[in-house]
Amino acid sequence: MAESRLEKSWKSLLKEYEAPSYAKKYILEPLFSKQDYLEPILDAGCGTGFFSNLLSEKGYQVISIDKNLDETQLHSYMKVKSDIESFNPVKMIIGDVLLINILSCLEPKKRLAVLKK
């Protein structure tokens, strides 16, 4: 199936996005790094893999999922190209779930359904 114009735009944006934002680097990362997590960690909407890679470097098993996944940037042990709404981890045990950016990308009516799932 051919990529849509939107998918091409996202891939282009992700390739240009190398440095983490100020908020990620200086606010979220220090808070994030001090936590203990249950494995495997599901990083839903991982984007460029900033947090997935941070956790992988600390030795955690991370499942990275994103609709526009670029596997070349990720170090996680499992990478899934899917959106969170259609992701179905059949018989998979999930520890903690990161939803750092994903909820802001969903329509308000779909947020609750994703959280319940």
C-alpha atoms as a PDB file:
ATOM      1  CA  MET A   1       0.000   0.000   0.000  1.00  0.00           C
ATOM      2  CA  ALA A   2       1.361   3.403  -0.984  1.00  0.00           C
ATOM      3  CA  GLU A   3       2.130   5.943   1.689  1.00  0.00           C
ATOM      4  CA  SER A   4      -0.329   8.769   2.094  1.00  0.00           C
ATOM      5  CA  ARG A   5       0.724  12.372   1.829  1.00  0.00           C
ATOM      6  CA  LEU A   6       0.305  12.727   5.595  1.00  0.00           C
ATOM      7  CA  GLU A   7       2.585   9.737   6.288  1.00  0.00           C
ATOM      8  CA  LYS A   8       5.251  11.189   3.997  1.00  0.00           C
ATOM      9  CA  SER A   9       5.012  14.527   5.801  1.00  0.00           C
ATOM     10  CA  TRP A  10       5.408  12.847   9.212  1.00  0.00           C
ATOM     11  CA  LYS A  11       8.423  10.846   8.048  1.00  0.00           C
ATOM     12  CA  SER A  12      10.034  14.013   6.721  1.00  0.00           C
ATOM     13  CA  LEU A  13       9.378  15.827   9.988  1.00  0.00           C
ATOM     14  CA  LEU A  14      10.749  12.969  12.087  1.00  0.00           C
ATOM     15  CA  LYS A  15      13.953  12.787  10.051  1.00  0.00           C
ATOM     16  CA  GLU A  16      14.572  16.490  10.641  1.00  0.00           C
ATOM     17  CA  TYR A  17      13.791  16.218  14.365  1.00  0.00           C
ATOM     18  CA  GLU A  18      17.077  15.204  15.923  1.00  0.00           C
ATOM     19  CA  ALA A  19      17.498  17.229  19.112  1.00  0.00           C
ATOM     20  CA  PRO A  20      15.019  16.804  21.952  1.00  0.00           C
ATOM     21  CA  SER A  21      12.983  19.820  22.941  1.00  0.00           C
ATOM     22  CA  TYR A  22      13.886  21.812  26.030  1.00  0.00           C
ATOM     23  CA  ALA A  23      10.924  20.305  27.890  1.00  0.00           C
ATOM     24  CA  LYS A  24      12.010  16.753  27.086  1.00  0.00           C
ATOM     25  CA  LYS A  25      15.682  17.258  27.876  1.00  0.00           C
ATOM     26  CA  TYR A  26      15.546  19.408  30.994  1.00  0.00           C
ATOM     27  CA  ILE A  27      12.118  18.808  32.551  1.00  0.00           C
ATOM     28  CA  LEU A  28      10.804  15.362  31.590  1.00  0.00           C
ATOM     29  CA  GLU A  29      14.064  13.420  31.296  1.00  0.00           C
ATOM     30  CA  PRO A  30      15.240  14.049  34.896  1.00  0.00           C
ATOM     31  CA  LEU A  31      11.814  13.132  36.314  1.00  0.00           C
ATOM     32  CA  PHE A  32      11.510  10.199  33.977  1.00  0.00           C
ATOM     33  CA  SER A  33      14.974   8.828  34.783  1.00  0.00           C
ATOM     34  CA  LYS A  34      14.324   8.580  38.528  1.00  0.00           C
ATOM     35  CA  GLN A  35      11.334   6.239  38.203  1.00  0.00           C
ATOM     36  CA  ASP A  36      11.240   2.464  38.476  1.00  0.00           C
ATOM     37  CA  TYR A  37       9.170   0.752  35.798  1.00  0.00           C
ATOM     38  CA  LEU A  38       7.428  -2.582  35.356  1.00  0.00           C
ATOM     39  CA  GLU A  39       8.537  -4.384  32.211  1.00  0.00           C
ATOM     40  CA  PRO A  40       7.928  -4.566  29.399  1.00  0.00           C
ATOM     41  CA  ILE A  41       7.214  -0.873  29.054  1.00  0.00           C
ATOM     42  CA  LEU A  42       4.873   0.148  26.241  1.00  0.00           C
ATOM     43  CA  ASP A  43       5.908   3.510  24.767  1.00  0.00           C
ATOM     44  CA  ALA A  44       2.751   4.359  22.834  1.00  0.00           C
ATOM     45  CA  GLY A  45       3.366   7.030  20.227  1.00  0.00           C
ATOM     46  CA  CYS A  46       7.131   6.806  20.655  1.00  0.00           C
ATOM     47  CA  GLY A  47       7.868   9.197  17.768  1.00  0.00           C
ATOM     48  CA  THR A  48      11.620   9.385  17.318  1.00  0.00           C
ATOM     49  CA  GLY A  49      12.133   7.036  20.249  1.00  0.00           C
ATOM     50  CA  PHE A  50      13.642   9.553  22.668  1.00  0.00           C
ATOM     51  CA  PHE A  51      12.100   7.960  25.773  1.00  0.00           C
ATOM     52  CA  SER A  52      12.193   4.400  24.391  1.00  0.00           C
ATOM     53  CA  ASN A  53      15.915   4.724  23.811  1.00  0.00           C
ATOM     54  CA  LEU A  54      16.492   6.321  27.214  1.00  0.00           C
ATOM     55  CA  LEU A  55      14.800   3.358  28.906  1.00  0.00           C
ATOM     56  CA  SER A  56      16.532   0.789  26.682  1.00  0.00           C
ATOM     57  CA  GLU A  57      19.896   2.311  27.611  1.00  0.00           C
ATOM     58  CA  LYS A  58      18.974   1.782  31.273  1.00  0.00           C
ATOM     59  CA  GLY A  59      18.376  -1.920  30.550  1.00  0.00           C
ATOM     60  CA  TYR A  60      14.576  -1.940  30.381  1.00  0.00           C
ATOM     61  CA  GLN A  61      12.623  -3.945  27.808  1.00  0.00           C
ATOM     62  CA  VAL A  62      10.567  -1.480  25.782  1.00  0.00           C
ATOM     63  CA  ILE A  63       7.848  -2.017  23.205  1.00  0.00           C
ATOM     64  CA  SER A  64       7.921   1.013  20.925  1.00  0.00           C
ATOM     65  CA  ILE A  65       4.772   1.698  18.932  1.00  0.00           C
ATOM     66  CA  ASP A  66       4.060   4.480  16.497  1.00  0.00           C
ATOM     67  CA  LYS A  67       2.046   4.774  13.322  1.00  0.00           C
ATOM     68  CA  ASN A  68       5.008   6.430  11.593  1.00  0.00           C
ATOM     69  CA  LEU A  69       7.715   4.273  13.143  1.00  0.00           C
ATOM     70  CA  ASP A  70      11.286   4.670  11.951  1.00  0.00           C
ATOM     71  CA  GLU A  71      12.963   1.533  13.284  1.00  0.00           C
ATOM     72  CA  THR A  72      16.452   2.788  12.431  1.00  0.00           C
ATOM     73  CA  GLN A  73      16.303   5.244  15.352  1.00  0.00           C
ATOM     74  CA  LEU A  74      15.031   2.813  17.994  1.00  0.00           C
ATOM     75  CA  HIS A  75      16.986   0.518  20.300  1.00  0.00           C
ATOM     76  CA  SER A  76      13.963  -1.159  21.875  1.00  0.00           C
ATOM     77  CA  TYR A  77      13.545  -4.940  21.862  1.00  0.00           C
ATOM     78  CA  MET A  78      10.182  -4.792  20.106  1.00  0.00           C
ATOM     79  CA  LYS A  79       9.070  -2.250  17.541  1.00  0.00           C
ATOM     80  CA  VAL A  80       5.523  -2.070  16.215  1.00  0.00           C
ATOM     81  CA  LYS A  81       4.282   0.085  13.358  1.00  0.00           C
ATOM     82  CA  SER A  82       0.652   0.683  14.263  1.00  0.00           C
ATOM     83  CA  ASP A  83      -1.531   3.330  15.790  1.00  0.00           C
ATOM     84  CA  ILE A  84      -2.533   2.921  19.418  1.00  0.00           C
ATOM     85  CA  GLU A  85      -6.204   2.449  18.538  1.00  0.00           C
ATOM     86  CA  SER A  86      -5.588  -0.683  16.463  1.00  0.00           C
ATOM     87  CA  PHE A  87      -2.660  -2.094  18.482  1.00  0.00           C
ATOM     88  CA  ASN A  88      -3.716  -5.441  19.912  1.00  0.00           C
ATOM     89  CA  PRO A  89      -1.121  -7.106  22.123  1.00  0.00           C
ATOM     90  CA  VAL A  90      -2.662 -10.579  22.014  1.00  0.00           C
ATOM     91  CA  LYS A  91      -1.566 -12.603  25.054  1.00  0.00           C
ATOM     92  CA  MET A  92       1.082 -10.001  25.803  1.00  0.00           C
ATOM     93  CA  ILE A  93       1.749  -8.835  29.331  1.00  0.00           C
ATOM     94  CA  ILE A  94       2.428  -5.113  29.524  1.00  0.00           C
ATOM     95  CA  GLY A  95       4.047  -3.440  32.521  1.00  0.00           C
ATOM     96  CA  ASP A  96       3.963   0.339  32.493  1.00  0.00           C
ATOM     97  CA  VAL A  97       2.590   2.414  29.627  1.00  0.00           C
ATOM     98  CA  LEU A  98       4.007   5.740  28.460  1.00  0.00           C
ATOM     99  CA  LEU A  99       1.477   8.070  26.860  1.00  0.00           C
ATOM    100  CA  ILE A 100       3.666  11.157  26.810  1.00  0.00           C
ATOM    101  CA  ASN A 101       2.377  12.630  23.548  1.00  0.00           C
ATOM    102  CA  ILE A 102      -0.231  10.183  22.320  1.00  0.00           C
ATOM    103  CA  LEU A 103      -3.328  11.560  24.050  1.00  0.00           C
ATOM    104  CA  SER A 104      -2.845  15.020  22.574  1.00  0.00           C
ATOM    105  CA  CYS A 105      -2.960  13.445  19.100  1.00  0.00           C
ATOM    106  CA  LEU A 106      -6.337  11.781  19.595  1.00  0.00           C
ATOM    107  CA  GLU A 107      -9.783  13.234  19.327  1.00  0.00           C
ATOM    108  CA  PRO A 108     -11.282  13.766  22.810  1.00  0.00           C
ATOM    109  CA  LYS A 109     -13.887  11.026  22.300  1.00  0.00           C
ATOM    110  CA  LYS A 110     -11.189   8.461  21.494  1.00  0.00           C
ATOM    111  CA  ARG A 111      -8.929   9.284  24.481  1.00  0.00           C
ATOM    112  CA  LEU A 112     -11.086   7.474  27.014  1.00  0.00           C
ATOM    113  CA  ALA A 113     -11.414   4.399  24.787  1.00  0.00           C
ATOM    114  CA  VAL A 114      -7.620   4.193  24.419  1.00  0.00           C
ATOM    115  CA  LEU A 115      -7.086   4.557  28.170  1.00  0.00           C
ATOM    116  CA  LYS A 116      -9.635   1.836  28.932  1.00  0.00           C
ATOM    117  CA  LYS A 117      -7.995  -0.530  26.450  1.00  0.00           C
END
